[in-house]
Amino acid sequence: MVLRTIYIALIDEGVDVWRPVEAREDIDGTFRLPDQAPAGELWQFPPGSIVRCEPRKLADGEVLVAAEIVAEQIE
């Protein structure tokens, strides 16, 4: 698995806020989010989840953003 920077939406921020995270890319093109979010952050998808990403234009240019959950974290 390869680490890539993807962006995940923060919720309850009042404006659109995107957090860059290092996620593990699997061979099927899905990504596993880090197991923990920074203190005080509420991510769109739970930490440790497997997500699909889509390209989106943000202030940093065109990036991959978490768009759909595939599976929640498995212990």
C-alpha atoms as a PDB file:
ATOM      1  CA  MET A   1       0.000   0.000   0.000  1.00  0.00           C
ATOM      2  CA  VAL A   2       1.128   3.521  -0.827  1.00  0.00           C
ATOM      3  CA  LEU A   3       0.589   6.640   1.301  1.00  0.00           C
ATOM      4  CA  ARG A   4      -1.042   9.561  -0.529  1.00  0.00           C
ATOM      5  CA  THR A   5      -2.395  12.884   0.600  1.00  0.00           C
ATOM      6  CA  ILE A   6      -6.162  13.105   0.316  1.00  0.00           C
ATOM      7  CA  TYR A   7      -8.558  15.662   1.771  1.00  0.00           C
ATOM      8  CA  ILE A   8     -11.458  15.005   4.111  1.00  0.00           C
ATOM      9  CA  ALA A   9     -14.238  17.451   4.954  1.00  0.00           C
ATOM     10  CA  LEU A  10     -14.543  18.667   8.521  1.00  0.00           C
ATOM     11  CA  ILE A  11     -18.101  19.004   9.753  1.00  0.00           C
ATOM     12  CA  ASP A  12     -19.570  21.510  12.218  1.00  0.00           C
ATOM     13  CA  GLU A  13     -17.146  24.228  11.067  1.00  0.00           C
ATOM     14  CA  GLY A  14     -19.630  26.792   9.699  1.00  0.00           C
ATOM     15  CA  VAL A  15     -17.696  27.036   6.399  1.00  0.00           C
ATOM     16  CA  ASP A  16     -16.171  24.421   4.093  1.00  0.00           C
ATOM     17  CA  VAL A  17     -12.949  23.163   5.684  1.00  0.00           C
ATOM     18  CA  TRP A  18     -10.821  20.380   4.189  1.00  0.00           C
ATOM     19  CA  ARG A  19      -8.141  18.534   6.193  1.00  0.00           C
ATOM     20  CA  PRO A  20      -5.221  17.006   4.271  1.00  0.00           C
ATOM     21  CA  VAL A  21      -4.410  13.527   5.613  1.00  0.00           C
ATOM     22  CA  GLU A  22      -1.971  10.784   4.670  1.00  0.00           C
ATOM     23  CA  ALA A  23      -4.122   7.807   3.664  1.00  0.00           C
ATOM     24  CA  ARG A  24      -3.102   4.333   2.530  1.00  0.00           C
ATOM     25  CA  GLU A  25      -4.108   3.656  -1.070  1.00  0.00           C
ATOM     26  CA  ASP A  26      -5.144   0.089  -1.837  1.00  0.00           C
ATOM     27  CA  ILE A  27      -4.796  -1.603  -5.227  1.00  0.00           C
ATOM     28  CA  ASP A  28      -8.543  -1.167  -5.866  1.00  0.00           C
ATOM     29  CA  GLY A  29      -8.199   2.635  -5.653  1.00  0.00           C
ATOM     30  CA  THR A  30      -9.785   2.994  -2.213  1.00  0.00           C
ATOM     31  CA  PHE A  31      -8.073   4.742   0.690  1.00  0.00           C
ATOM     32  CA  ARG A  32      -7.876   3.955   4.406  1.00  0.00           C
ATOM     33  CA  LEU A  33      -8.088   7.047   6.582  1.00  0.00           C
ATOM     34  CA  PRO A  34      -5.726   7.446   9.549  1.00  0.00           C
ATOM     35  CA  ASP A  35      -6.921   5.717  12.716  1.00  0.00           C
ATOM     36  CA  GLN A  36      -7.309   8.985  14.658  1.00  0.00           C
ATOM     37  CA  ALA A  37      -8.439  12.521  13.891  1.00  0.00           C
ATOM     38  CA  PRO A  38      -6.718  15.450  15.604  1.00  0.00           C
ATOM     39  CA  ALA A  39      -8.339  16.483  18.886  1.00  0.00           C
ATOM     40  CA  GLY A  40     -11.421  18.618  18.367  1.00  0.00           C
ATOM     41  CA  GLU A  41     -11.957  17.666  14.709  1.00  0.00           C
ATOM     42  CA  LEU A  42     -15.067  15.886  13.452  1.00  0.00           C
ATOM     43  CA  TRP A  43     -14.412  14.264  10.072  1.00  0.00           C
ATOM     44  CA  GLN A  44     -17.073  13.571   7.444  1.00  0.00           C
ATOM     45  CA  PHE A  45     -16.167   9.867   7.695  1.00  0.00           C
ATOM     46  CA  PRO A  46     -14.923   8.058  10.837  1.00  0.00           C
ATOM     47  CA  PRO A  47     -11.151   7.678  11.304  1.00  0.00           C
ATOM     48  CA  GLY A  48      -9.902   4.312  10.034  1.00  0.00           C
ATOM     49  CA  SER A  49     -12.676   4.042   7.428  1.00  0.00           C
ATOM     50  CA  ILE A  50     -12.133   2.909   3.850  1.00  0.00           C
ATOM     51  CA  VAL A  51     -13.240   5.607   1.393  1.00  0.00           C
ATOM     52  CA  ARG A  52     -13.467   6.276  -2.321  1.00  0.00           C
ATOM     53  CA  CYS A  53     -12.116   9.593  -3.523  1.00  0.00           C
ATOM     54  CA  GLU A  54     -12.918  11.941  -6.367  1.00  0.00           C
ATOM     55  CA  PRO A  55     -10.950  14.859  -7.805  1.00  0.00           C
ATOM     56  CA  ARG A  56     -12.026  18.337  -6.751  1.00  0.00           C
ATOM     57  CA  LYS A  57     -10.606  21.838  -7.201  1.00  0.00           C
ATOM     58  CA  LEU A  58      -9.683  23.429  -3.873  1.00  0.00           C
ATOM     59  CA  ALA A  59      -7.395  26.327  -2.971  1.00  0.00           C
ATOM     60  CA  ASP A  60      -4.435  23.894  -3.250  1.00  0.00           C
ATOM     61  CA  GLY A  61      -5.395  23.041  -6.855  1.00  0.00           C
ATOM     62  CA  GLU A  62      -6.986  19.793  -7.997  1.00  0.00           C
ATOM     63  CA  VAL A  63      -6.822  17.244  -5.184  1.00  0.00           C
ATOM     64  CA  LEU A  64      -8.456  13.968  -4.197  1.00  0.00           C
ATOM     65  CA  VAL A  65     -11.238  14.314  -1.632  1.00  0.00           C
ATOM     66  CA  ALA A  66     -12.962  11.564   0.348  1.00  0.00           C
ATOM     67  CA  ALA A  67     -16.391  11.276  -1.280  1.00  0.00           C
ATOM     68  CA  GLU A  68     -17.947   7.963  -0.233  1.00  0.00           C
ATOM     69  CA  ILE A  69     -17.482   5.487   2.585  1.00  0.00           C
ATOM     70  CA  VAL A  70     -16.842   1.888   1.550  1.00  0.00           C
ATOM     71  CA  ALA A  71     -16.392   0.371   5.032  1.00  0.00           C
ATOM     72  CA  GLU A  72     -16.021   1.624   8.583  1.00  0.00           C
ATOM     73  CA  GLN A  73     -12.943   0.745  10.618  1.00  0.00           C
ATOM     74  CA  ILE A  74     -12.637  -2.928  11.446  1.00  0.00           C
ATOM     75  CA  GLU A  75     -10.996  -3.694  14.789  1.00  0.00           C
END
